[in-house]
Amino acid sequence: MCATDNCFYAQAQLHVREIELRLKGLITGKARGFTIPLSVEGQVSLLISEATADKNLCQMYIGWAPYL
């Protein structure tokens, strides 16, 4: 959590940089660094595999029924 304007600015710059990289097709993840640029089909496939991964589903709110 930031207490100063400089900290907020630095966090904003970091988020903008991550968005710019995603727009260029460079995907980052928690367990890996940058990957080569992906096609639209590659990005969709990656997002589907991450969305259906057990390690991600187990962190969801149980009321959303991620096990279905």
PDB file of N, CA and C in Angstrom:
ATOM      1  N   MET A   1       0.845  -1.173   0.000  1.00  0.00           N
ATOM      2  CA  MET A   1       0.000   0.000   0.000  1.00  0.00           C
ATOM      3  C   MET A   1       0.890   1.236   0.000  1.00  0.00           C
ATOM      4  N   CYS A   2       0.531   2.196  -0.800  1.00  0.00           N
ATOM      5  CA  CYS A   2       1.337   3.399  -0.937  1.00  0.00           C
ATOM      6  C   CYS A   2       0.832   4.508  -0.032  1.00  0.00           C
ATOM      7  N   ALA A   3       1.782   5.249   0.500  1.00  0.00           N
ATOM      8  CA  ALA A   3       1.433   6.383   1.347  1.00  0.00           C
ATOM      9  C   ALA A   3       1.809   7.704   0.687  1.00  0.00           C
ATOM     10  N   THR A   4       2.581   7.641  -0.394  1.00  0.00           N
ATOM     11  CA  THR A   4       3.024   8.868  -1.049  1.00  0.00           C
ATOM     12  C   THR A   4       2.590   8.881  -2.508  1.00  0.00           C
ATOM     13  N   ASP A   5       2.582  10.080  -3.080  1.00  0.00           N
ATOM     14  CA  ASP A   5       2.237  10.219  -4.493  1.00  0.00           C
ATOM     15  C   ASP A   5       3.257   9.527  -5.379  1.00  0.00           C
ATOM     16  N   ASN A   6       4.536   9.556  -4.973  1.00  0.00           N
ATOM     17  CA  ASN A   6       5.582   8.909  -5.762  1.00  0.00           C
ATOM     18  C   ASN A   6       5.349   7.409  -5.853  1.00  0.00           C
ATOM     19  N   CYS A   7       4.903   6.820  -4.773  1.00  0.00           N
ATOM     20  CA  CYS A   7       4.637   5.388  -4.757  1.00  0.00           C
ATOM     21  C   CYS A   7       3.467   5.057  -5.680  1.00  0.00           C
ATOM     22  N   PHE A   8       2.408   5.848  -5.622  1.00  0.00           N
ATOM     23  CA  PHE A   8       1.264   5.638  -6.511  1.00  0.00           C
ATOM     24  C   PHE A   8       1.687   5.772  -7.968  1.00  0.00           C
ATOM     25  N   TYR A   9       2.527   6.767  -8.256  1.00  0.00           N
ATOM     26  CA  TYR A   9       3.011   6.993  -9.612  1.00  0.00           C
ATOM     27  C   TYR A   9       3.828   5.802 -10.091  1.00  0.00           C
ATOM     28  N   ALA A  10       4.688   5.280  -9.239  1.00  0.00           N
ATOM     29  CA  ALA A  10       5.518   4.132  -9.605  1.00  0.00           C
ATOM     30  C   ALA A  10       4.656   2.904  -9.880  1.00  0.00           C
ATOM     31  N   GLN A  11       3.644   2.684  -9.061  1.00  0.00           N
ATOM     32  CA  GLN A  11       2.747   1.546  -9.288  1.00  0.00           C
ATOM     33  C   GLN A  11       1.963   1.723 -10.583  1.00  0.00           C
ATOM     34  N   ALA A  12       1.523   2.930 -10.853  1.00  0.00           N
ATOM     35  CA  ALA A  12       0.784   3.201 -12.086  1.00  0.00           C
ATOM     36  C   ALA A  12       1.660   2.934 -13.300  1.00  0.00           C
ATOM     37  N   GLN A  13       2.922   3.357 -13.235  1.00  0.00           N
ATOM     38  CA  GLN A  13       3.845   3.110 -14.336  1.00  0.00           C
ATOM     39  C   GLN A  13       4.052   1.614 -14.553  1.00  0.00           C
ATOM     40  N   LEU A  14       4.154   0.861 -13.486  1.00  0.00           N
ATOM     41  CA  LEU A  14       4.327  -0.586 -13.587  1.00  0.00           C
ATOM     42  C   LEU A  14       3.123  -1.224 -14.275  1.00  0.00           C
ATOM     43  N   HIS A  15       1.930  -0.818 -13.891  1.00  0.00           N
ATOM     44  CA  HIS A  15       0.722  -1.378 -14.495  1.00  0.00           C
ATOM     45  C   HIS A  15       0.619  -1.009 -15.974  1.00  0.00           C
ATOM     46  N   VAL A  16       0.963   0.223 -16.312  1.00  0.00           N
ATOM     47  CA  VAL A  16       0.931   0.649 -17.708  1.00  0.00           C
ATOM     48  C   VAL A  16       1.929  -0.161 -18.520  1.00  0.00           C
ATOM     49  N   ARG A  17       3.107  -0.400 -17.965  1.00  0.00           N
ATOM     50  CA  ARG A  17       4.130  -1.198 -18.662  1.00  0.00           C
ATOM     51  C   ARG A  17       3.630  -2.619 -18.911  1.00  0.00           C
ATOM     52  N   GLU A  18       2.973  -3.224 -17.922  1.00  0.00           N
ATOM     53  CA  GLU A  18       2.432  -4.572 -18.085  1.00  0.00           C
ATOM     54  C   GLU A  18       1.352  -4.603 -19.163  1.00  0.00           C
ATOM     55  N   ILE A  19       0.526  -3.577 -19.216  1.00  0.00           N
ATOM     56  CA  ILE A  19      -0.517  -3.502 -20.238  1.00  0.00           C
ATOM     57  C   ILE A  19       0.105  -3.364 -21.620  1.00  0.00           C
ATOM     58  N   GLU A  20       1.127  -2.519 -21.741  1.00  0.00           N
ATOM     59  CA  GLU A  20       1.801  -2.351 -23.026  1.00  0.00           C
ATOM     60  C   GLU A  20       2.400  -3.667 -23.507  1.00  0.00           C
ATOM     61  N   LEU A  21       3.014  -4.423 -22.595  1.00  0.00           N
ATOM     62  CA  LEU A  21       3.595  -5.711 -22.972  1.00  0.00           C
ATOM     63  C   LEU A  21       2.521  -6.686 -23.430  1.00  0.00           C
ATOM     64  N   ARG A  22       1.381  -6.696 -22.750  1.00  0.00           N
ATOM     65  CA  ARG A  22       0.278  -7.581 -23.162  1.00  0.00           C
ATOM     66  C   ARG A  22      -0.243  -7.186 -24.538  1.00  0.00           C
ATOM     67  N   LEU A  23      -0.322  -5.889 -24.806  1.00  0.00           N
ATOM     68  CA  LEU A  23      -0.784  -5.442 -26.117  1.00  0.00           C
ATOM     69  C   LEU A  23       0.176  -5.865 -27.220  1.00  0.00           C
ATOM     70  N   LYS A  24       1.451  -6.021 -26.876  1.00  0.00           N
ATOM     71  CA  LYS A  24       2.443  -6.498 -27.836  1.00  0.00           C
ATOM     72  C   LYS A  24       2.453  -8.020 -27.928  1.00  0.00           C
ATOM     73  N   GLY A  25       1.655  -8.680 -27.095  1.00  0.00           N
ATOM     74  CA  GLY A  25       1.578 -10.133 -27.132  1.00  0.00           C
ATOM     75  C   GLY A  25       2.511 -10.825 -26.172  1.00  0.00           C
ATOM     76  N   LEU A  26       3.222 -10.073 -25.349  1.00  0.00           N
ATOM     77  CA  LEU A  26       4.129 -10.671 -24.376  1.00  0.00           C
ATOM     78  C   LEU A  26       3.358 -10.949 -23.098  1.00  0.00           C
ATOM     79  N   ILE A  27       3.233 -12.211 -22.772  1.00  0.00           N
ATOM     80  CA  ILE A  27       2.454 -12.627 -21.617  1.00  0.00           C
ATOM     81  C   ILE A  27       3.399 -12.939 -20.467  1.00  0.00           C
ATOM     82  N   THR A  28       3.054 -12.497 -19.276  1.00  0.00           N
ATOM     83  CA  THR A  28       3.818 -12.846 -18.084  1.00  0.00           C
ATOM     84  C   THR A  28       2.911 -13.619 -17.148  1.00  0.00           C
ATOM     85  N   GLY A  29       3.519 -14.393 -16.302  1.00  0.00           N
ATOM     86  CA  GLY A  29       2.747 -15.157 -15.331  1.00  0.00           C
ATOM     87  C   GLY A  29       3.480 -15.221 -14.016  1.00  0.00           C
ATOM     88  N   LYS A  30       2.829 -15.792 -13.031  1.00  0.00           N
ATOM     89  CA  LYS A  30       3.441 -15.884 -11.711  1.00  0.00           C
ATOM     90  C   LYS A  30       4.650 -16.812 -11.708  1.00  0.00           C
ATOM     91  N   ALA A  31       4.564 -17.898 -12.453  1.00  0.00           N
ATOM     92  CA  ALA A  31       5.604 -18.922 -12.394  1.00  0.00           C
ATOM     93  C   ALA A  31       6.628 -18.796 -13.512  1.00  0.00           C
ATOM     94  N   ARG A  32       6.416 -17.889 -14.436  1.00  0.00           N
ATOM     95  CA  ARG A  32       7.353 -17.785 -15.555  1.00  0.00           C
ATOM     96  C   ARG A  32       7.618 -16.323 -15.876  1.00  0.00           C
ATOM     97  N   GLY A  33       8.679 -16.099 -16.587  1.00  0.00           N
ATOM     98  CA  GLY A  33       8.997 -14.747 -17.004  1.00  0.00           C
ATOM     99  C   GLY A  33       8.279 -14.422 -18.304  1.00  0.00           C
ATOM    100  N   PHE A  34       8.870 -13.558 -19.090  1.00  0.00           N
ATOM    101  CA  PHE A  34       8.265 -13.175 -20.352  1.00  0.00           C
ATOM    102  C   PHE A  34       8.360 -14.323 -21.345  1.00  0.00           C
ATOM    103  N   THR A  35       7.352 -14.443 -22.180  1.00  0.00           N
ATOM    104  CA  THR A  35       7.365 -15.431 -23.239  1.00  0.00           C
ATOM    105  C   THR A  35       7.511 -14.711 -24.564  1.00  0.00           C
ATOM    106  N   ILE A  36       7.696 -15.481 -25.612  1.00  0.00           N
ATOM    107  CA  ILE A  36       7.732 -14.876 -26.936  1.00  0.00           C
ATOM    108  C   ILE A  36       6.331 -14.375 -27.266  1.00  0.00           C
ATOM    109  N   PRO A  37       6.210 -13.425 -28.180  1.00  0.00           N
ATOM    110  CA  PRO A  37       4.877 -12.930 -28.531  1.00  0.00           C
ATOM    111  C   PRO A  37       3.987 -14.071 -29.021  1.00  0.00           C
ATOM    112  N   LEU A  38       2.748 -14.084 -28.563  1.00  0.00           N
ATOM    113  CA  LEU A  38       1.799 -15.121 -28.943  1.00  0.00           C
ATOM    114  C   LEU A  38       0.788 -14.576 -29.940  1.00  0.00           C
ATOM    115  N   SER A  39       0.316 -15.460 -30.799  1.00  0.00           N
ATOM    116  CA  SER A  39      -0.776 -15.091 -31.698  1.00  0.00           C
ATOM    117  C   SER A  39      -2.056 -14.989 -30.880  1.00  0.00           C
ATOM    118  N   VAL A  40      -3.112 -14.520 -31.503  1.00  0.00           N
ATOM    119  CA  VAL A  40      -4.400 -14.439 -30.815  1.00  0.00           C
ATOM    120  C   VAL A  40      -4.821 -15.829 -30.357  1.00  0.00           C
ATOM    121  N   GLU A  41      -4.656 -16.818 -31.230  1.00  0.00           N
ATOM    122  CA  GLU A  41      -5.025 -18.186 -30.878  1.00  0.00           C
ATOM    123  C   GLU A  41      -4.183 -18.696 -29.717  1.00  0.00           C
ATOM    124  N   GLY A  42      -2.905 -18.342 -29.709  1.00  0.00           N
ATOM    125  CA  GLY A  42      -2.021 -18.751 -28.624  1.00  0.00           C
ATOM    126  C   GLY A  42      -2.409 -18.117 -27.301  1.00  0.00           C
ATOM    127  N   GLN A  43      -2.770 -16.839 -27.338  1.00  0.00           N
ATOM    128  CA  GLN A  43      -3.196 -16.159 -26.112  1.00  0.00           C
ATOM    129  C   GLN A  43      -4.489 -16.753 -25.576  1.00  0.00           C
ATOM    130  N   VAL A  44      -5.436 -17.040 -26.470  1.00  0.00           N
ATOM    131  CA  VAL A  44      -6.707 -17.640 -26.045  1.00  0.00           C
ATOM    132  C   VAL A  44      -6.459 -19.001 -25.422  1.00  0.00           C
ATOM    133  N   SER A  45      -5.617 -19.797 -26.062  1.00  0.00           N
ATOM    134  CA  SER A  45      -5.300 -21.129 -25.534  1.00  0.00           C
ATOM    135  C   SER A  45      -4.649 -21.034 -24.161  1.00  0.00           C
ATOM    136  N   LEU A  46      -3.722 -20.098 -23.994  1.00  0.00           N
ATOM    137  CA  LEU A  46      -3.057 -19.913 -22.707  1.00  0.00           C
ATOM    138  C   LEU A  46      -4.051 -19.484 -21.630  1.00  0.00           C
ATOM    139  N   LEU A  47      -4.929 -18.551 -21.949  1.00  0.00           N
ATOM    140  CA  LEU A  47      -5.919 -18.084 -20.975  1.00  0.00           C
ATOM    141  C   LEU A  47      -6.884 -19.192 -20.575  1.00  0.00           C
ATOM    142  N   ILE A  48      -7.293 -20.009 -21.541  1.00  0.00           N
ATOM    143  CA  ILE A  48      -8.192 -21.122 -21.222  1.00  0.00           C
ATOM    144  C   ILE A  48      -7.494 -22.127 -20.323  1.00  0.00           C
ATOM    145  N   SER A  49      -6.233 -22.436 -20.631  1.00  0.00           N
ATOM    146  CA  SER A  49      -5.514 -23.409 -19.801  1.00  0.00           C
ATOM    147  C   SER A  49      -5.289 -22.877 -18.387  1.00  0.00           C
ATOM    148  N   GLU A  50      -5.028 -21.579 -18.240  1.00  0.00           N
ATOM    149  CA  GLU A  50      -4.867 -21.009 -16.904  1.00  0.00           C
ATOM    150  C   GLU A  50      -6.199 -20.952 -16.163  1.00  0.00           C
ATOM    151  N   ALA A  51      -7.276 -20.669 -16.887  1.00  0.00           N
ATOM    152  CA  ALA A  51      -8.594 -20.567 -16.254  1.00  0.00           C
ATOM    153  C   ALA A  51      -9.110 -21.914 -15.777  1.00  0.00           C
ATOM    154  N   THR A  52      -8.663 -22.985 -16.406  1.00  0.00           N
ATOM    155  CA  THR A  52      -9.142 -24.318 -16.032  1.00  0.00           C
ATOM    156  C   THR A  52      -8.129 -25.105 -15.211  1.00  0.00           C
ATOM    157  N   ALA A  53      -7.009 -24.487 -14.864  1.00  0.00           N
ATOM    158  CA  ALA A  53      -5.985 -25.167 -14.067  1.00  0.00           C
ATOM    159  C   ALA A  53      -6.465 -25.347 -12.630  1.00  0.00           C
ATOM    160  N   ASP A  54      -6.229 -26.529 -12.083  1.00  0.00           N
ATOM    161  CA  ASP A  54      -6.655 -26.825 -10.711  1.00  0.00           C
ATOM    162  C   ASP A  54      -6.084 -25.829  -9.707  1.00  0.00           C
ATOM    163  N   LYS A  55      -4.823 -25.421  -9.911  1.00  0.00           N
ATOM    164  CA  LYS A  55      -4.191 -24.503  -8.955  1.00  0.00           C
ATOM    165  C   LYS A  55      -4.887 -23.146  -8.921  1.00  0.00           C
ATOM    166  N   ASN A  56      -5.528 -22.757 -10.011  1.00  0.00           N
ATOM    167  CA  ASN A  56      -6.275 -21.501 -10.034  1.00  0.00           C
ATOM    168  C   ASN A  56      -7.715 -21.698  -9.586  1.00  0.00           C
ATOM    169  N   LEU A  57      -8.310 -22.804  -9.978  1.00  0.00           N
ATOM    170  CA  LEU A  57      -9.702 -23.064  -9.599  1.00  0.00           C
ATOM    171  C   LEU A  57      -9.859 -23.220  -8.095  1.00  0.00           C
ATOM    172  N   CYS A  58      -8.861 -23.811  -7.441  1.00  0.00           N
ATOM    173  CA  CYS A  58      -8.978 -24.043  -6.001  1.00  0.00           C
ATOM    174  C   CYS A  58      -8.946 -22.739  -5.201  1.00  0.00           C
ATOM    175  N   GLN A  59      -8.540 -21.647  -5.812  1.00  0.00           N
ATOM    176  CA  GLN A  59      -8.472 -20.370  -5.117  1.00  0.00           C
ATOM    177  C   GLN A  59      -9.760 -19.555  -5.266  1.00  0.00           C
ATOM    178  N   MET A  60     -10.690 -20.061  -6.058  1.00  0.00           N
ATOM    179  CA  MET A  60     -11.937 -19.330  -6.297  1.00  0.00           C
ATOM    180  C   MET A  60     -12.894 -19.458  -5.125  1.00  0.00           C
ATOM    181  N   TYR A  61     -13.789 -18.521  -5.039  1.00  0.00           N
ATOM    182  CA  TYR A  61     -14.861 -18.549  -4.042  1.00  0.00           C
ATOM    183  C   TYR A  61     -15.738 -19.767  -4.309  1.00  0.00           C
ATOM    184  N   ILE A  62     -16.005 -20.561  -3.292  1.00  0.00           N
ATOM    185  CA  ILE A  62     -16.735 -21.817  -3.451  1.00  0.00           C
ATOM    186  C   ILE A  62     -18.140 -21.596  -4.003  1.00  0.00           C
ATOM    187  N   GLY A  63     -18.735 -20.443  -3.741  1.00  0.00           N
ATOM    188  CA  GLY A  63     -20.070 -20.139  -4.241  1.00  0.00           C
ATOM    189  C   GLY A  63     -20.143 -20.036  -5.756  1.00  0.00           C
ATOM    190  N   TRP A  64     -19.000 -19.850  -6.418  1.00  0.00           N
ATOM    191  CA  TRP A  64     -18.980 -19.782  -7.875  1.00  0.00           C
ATOM    192  C   TRP A  64     -18.929 -21.170  -8.498  1.00  0.00           C
ATOM    193  N   ALA A  65     -18.850 -22.197  -7.665  1.00  0.00           N
ATOM    194  CA  ALA A  65     -18.836 -23.592  -8.100  1.00  0.00           C
ATOM    195  C   ALA A  65     -17.756 -23.865  -9.152  1.00  0.00           C
ATOM    196  N   PRO A  66     -16.485 -23.595  -8.845  1.00  0.00           N
ATOM    197  CA  PRO A  66     -15.423 -23.808  -9.820  1.00  0.00           C
ATOM    198  C   PRO A  66     -15.201 -25.274 -10.161  1.00  0.00           C
ATOM    199  N   TYR A  67     -15.761 -26.170  -9.366  1.00  0.00           N
ATOM    200  CA  TYR A  67     -15.557 -27.599  -9.579  1.00  0.00           C
ATOM    201  C   TYR A  67     -16.479 -28.155 -10.656  1.00  0.00           C
ATOM    202  N   LEU A  68     -17.417 -27.366 -11.161  1.00  0.00           N
ATOM    203  CA  LEU A  68     -18.367 -27.862 -12.161  1.00  0.00           C
ATOM    204  C   LEU A  68     -17.761 -27.946 -13.527  1.00  0.00           C
TER     205      LEU A  68
END
